[in-house]
Amino acid sequence: MAEAVTVQDVASWDADLHTPTDGLGWTVNHPEPRVMFGLMMRAPLADVPKKNSWG
């Protein structure tokens, strides 16, 4: 059986998402692509009502 997800788990996921987005700094000259990538990585973790999402 799966373990329950805690607030601390979600907070650590957000912190872990900084690793790939920060690592992209050398690949682009402008900050906008890094910001967009970070937003795309965080989108699946967003609290979106099922009415407006694909779930």
N, C-alpha and C. Protein backbone atom coordinates (compact mmCIF):
# COMPACT_ATOMS: atom_id res chain seq x y z
N MET A 1 0.84 -1.18 0.00
CA MET A 1 0.00 0.00 0.00
C MET A 1 0.89 1.24 0.00
N ALA A 2 0.46 2.28 -0.67
CA ALA A 2 1.23 3.51 -0.78
C ALA A 2 1.17 4.31 0.52
N GLU A 3 2.25 5.02 0.77
CA GLU A 3 2.30 5.87 1.95
C GLU A 3 1.57 7.19 1.69
N ALA A 4 1.07 7.80 2.74
CA ALA A 4 0.40 9.09 2.63
C ALA A 4 1.43 10.18 2.34
N VAL A 5 1.04 11.13 1.52
CA VAL A 5 1.91 12.24 1.17
C VAL A 5 1.70 13.36 2.19
N THR A 6 2.78 13.87 2.74
CA THR A 6 2.69 14.93 3.75
C THR A 6 3.07 16.27 3.14
N VAL A 7 2.80 17.32 3.88
CA VAL A 7 3.17 18.68 3.46
C VAL A 7 4.69 18.78 3.31
N GLN A 8 5.41 18.13 4.18
CA GLN A 8 6.87 18.15 4.12
C GLN A 8 7.36 17.48 2.83
N ASP A 9 6.68 16.41 2.40
CA ASP A 9 7.04 15.75 1.15
C ASP A 9 6.91 16.71 -0.03
N VAL A 10 5.79 17.40 -0.09
CA VAL A 10 5.55 18.33 -1.19
C VAL A 10 6.56 19.47 -1.15
N ALA A 11 6.88 19.99 0.03
CA ALA A 11 7.87 21.05 0.14
C ALA A 11 9.23 20.58 -0.34
N SER A 12 9.59 19.34 -0.04
CA SER A 12 10.88 18.82 -0.50
C SER A 12 10.88 18.62 -2.01
N TRP A 13 9.74 18.27 -2.59
CA TRP A 13 9.67 18.14 -4.05
C TRP A 13 9.94 19.48 -4.71
N ASP A 14 9.36 20.54 -4.15
CA ASP A 14 9.58 21.87 -4.71
C ASP A 14 11.06 22.24 -4.64
N ALA A 15 11.68 21.95 -3.52
CA ALA A 15 13.11 22.23 -3.39
C ALA A 15 13.92 21.39 -4.37
N ASP A 16 13.53 20.14 -4.57
CA ASP A 16 14.23 19.26 -5.51
C ASP A 16 14.09 19.73 -6.95
N LEU A 17 13.00 20.43 -7.27
CA LEU A 17 12.82 20.93 -8.63
C LEU A 17 13.79 22.05 -8.99
N HIS A 18 14.40 22.67 -7.99
CA HIS A 18 15.38 23.72 -8.27
C HIS A 18 16.65 23.15 -8.89
N THR A 19 16.95 21.90 -8.62
CA THR A 19 18.17 21.29 -9.13
C THR A 19 18.19 21.27 -10.66
N PRO A 20 17.17 20.71 -11.35
CA PRO A 20 17.25 20.72 -12.81
C PRO A 20 17.11 22.12 -13.41
N THR A 21 16.29 22.98 -12.80
CA THR A 21 16.12 24.31 -13.38
C THR A 21 17.37 25.16 -13.19
N ASP A 22 18.03 25.02 -12.05
CA ASP A 22 19.27 25.76 -11.83
C ASP A 22 20.39 25.24 -12.72
N GLY A 23 20.35 23.97 -13.03
CA GLY A 23 21.37 23.36 -13.87
C GLY A 23 21.29 23.77 -15.32
N LEU A 24 20.19 24.40 -15.72
CA LEU A 24 20.04 24.82 -17.11
C LEU A 24 20.67 26.18 -17.40
N GLY A 25 21.18 26.82 -16.41
CA GLY A 25 21.73 28.17 -16.59
C GLY A 25 22.78 28.30 -17.68
N TRP A 26 23.60 27.29 -17.85
CA TRP A 26 24.66 27.36 -18.85
C TRP A 26 24.15 27.12 -20.27
N THR A 27 22.91 26.61 -20.44
CA THR A 27 22.40 26.28 -21.77
C THR A 27 21.69 27.42 -22.47
N VAL A 28 21.27 28.43 -21.74
CA VAL A 28 20.51 29.54 -22.34
C VAL A 28 21.10 30.87 -21.90
N ASN A 29 20.92 31.87 -22.76
CA ASN A 29 21.43 33.20 -22.46
C ASN A 29 20.43 34.07 -21.72
N HIS A 30 19.16 33.72 -21.81
CA HIS A 30 18.11 34.55 -21.20
C HIS A 30 17.44 33.79 -20.06
N PRO A 31 16.97 34.48 -19.05
CA PRO A 31 16.34 33.80 -17.91
C PRO A 31 14.95 33.27 -18.21
N GLU A 32 14.26 33.79 -19.24
CA GLU A 32 12.88 33.37 -19.50
C GLU A 32 12.74 31.88 -19.74
N PRO A 33 13.62 31.24 -20.55
CA PRO A 33 13.46 29.79 -20.74
C PRO A 33 13.62 29.00 -19.44
N ARG A 34 14.49 29.45 -18.55
CA ARG A 34 14.64 28.75 -17.27
C ARG A 34 13.39 28.89 -16.43
N VAL A 35 12.80 30.08 -16.45
CA VAL A 35 11.57 30.31 -15.68
C VAL A 35 10.45 29.44 -16.24
N MET A 36 10.31 29.41 -17.56
CA MET A 36 9.25 28.62 -18.18
C MET A 36 9.43 27.13 -17.89
N PHE A 37 10.66 26.65 -17.95
CA PHE A 37 10.92 25.25 -17.64
C PHE A 37 10.55 24.94 -16.19
N GLY A 38 10.90 25.84 -15.29
CA GLY A 38 10.54 25.66 -13.88
C GLY A 38 9.04 25.60 -13.68
N LEU A 39 8.31 26.45 -14.38
CA LEU A 39 6.85 26.45 -14.28
C LEU A 39 6.26 25.15 -14.84
N MET A 40 6.84 24.67 -15.93
CA MET A 40 6.34 23.43 -16.52
C MET A 40 6.64 22.23 -15.62
N MET A 41 7.74 22.28 -14.90
CA MET A 41 8.07 21.20 -13.98
C MET A 41 7.15 21.21 -12.76
N ARG A 42 6.70 22.40 -12.36
CA ARG A 42 5.84 22.51 -11.18
C ARG A 42 4.36 22.30 -11.50
N ALA A 43 3.97 22.42 -12.75
CA ALA A 43 2.56 22.33 -13.12
C ALA A 43 1.88 21.05 -12.65
N PRO A 44 2.50 19.88 -12.80
CA PRO A 44 1.81 18.67 -12.32
C PRO A 44 1.59 18.64 -10.81
N LEU A 45 2.33 19.43 -10.07
CA LEU A 45 2.16 19.47 -8.61
C LEU A 45 1.13 20.50 -8.16
N ALA A 46 0.61 21.29 -9.12
CA ALA A 46 -0.32 22.36 -8.77
C ALA A 46 -1.65 21.79 -8.26
N ASP A 47 -2.26 22.53 -7.39
CA ASP A 47 -3.56 22.15 -6.85
C ASP A 47 -4.66 22.71 -7.77
N VAL A 48 -5.02 21.94 -8.79
CA VAL A 48 -6.01 22.37 -9.77
C VAL A 48 -7.27 21.52 -9.59
N PRO A 49 -8.42 22.15 -9.52
CA PRO A 49 -9.65 21.37 -9.38
C PRO A 49 -9.83 20.43 -10.58
N LYS A 50 -10.40 19.25 -10.34
CA LYS A 50 -10.60 18.28 -11.42
C LYS A 50 -11.48 18.84 -12.52
N LYS A 51 -12.37 19.73 -12.20
CA LYS A 51 -13.26 20.31 -13.20
C LYS A 51 -12.46 21.00 -14.31
N ASN A 52 -11.33 21.61 -13.96
CA ASN A 52 -10.55 22.36 -14.92
C ASN A 52 -9.25 21.67 -15.34
N SER A 53 -9.07 20.43 -14.95
CA SER A 53 -7.84 19.73 -15.31
C SER A 53 -8.19 18.47 -16.07
N TRP A 54 -7.18 17.77 -16.53
CA TRP A 54 -7.40 16.57 -17.33
C TRP A 54 -7.71 15.35 -16.47
N GLY A 55 -7.54 15.46 -15.16
CA GLY A 55 -7.74 14.30 -14.29
C GLY A 55 -9.13 13.99 -14.12
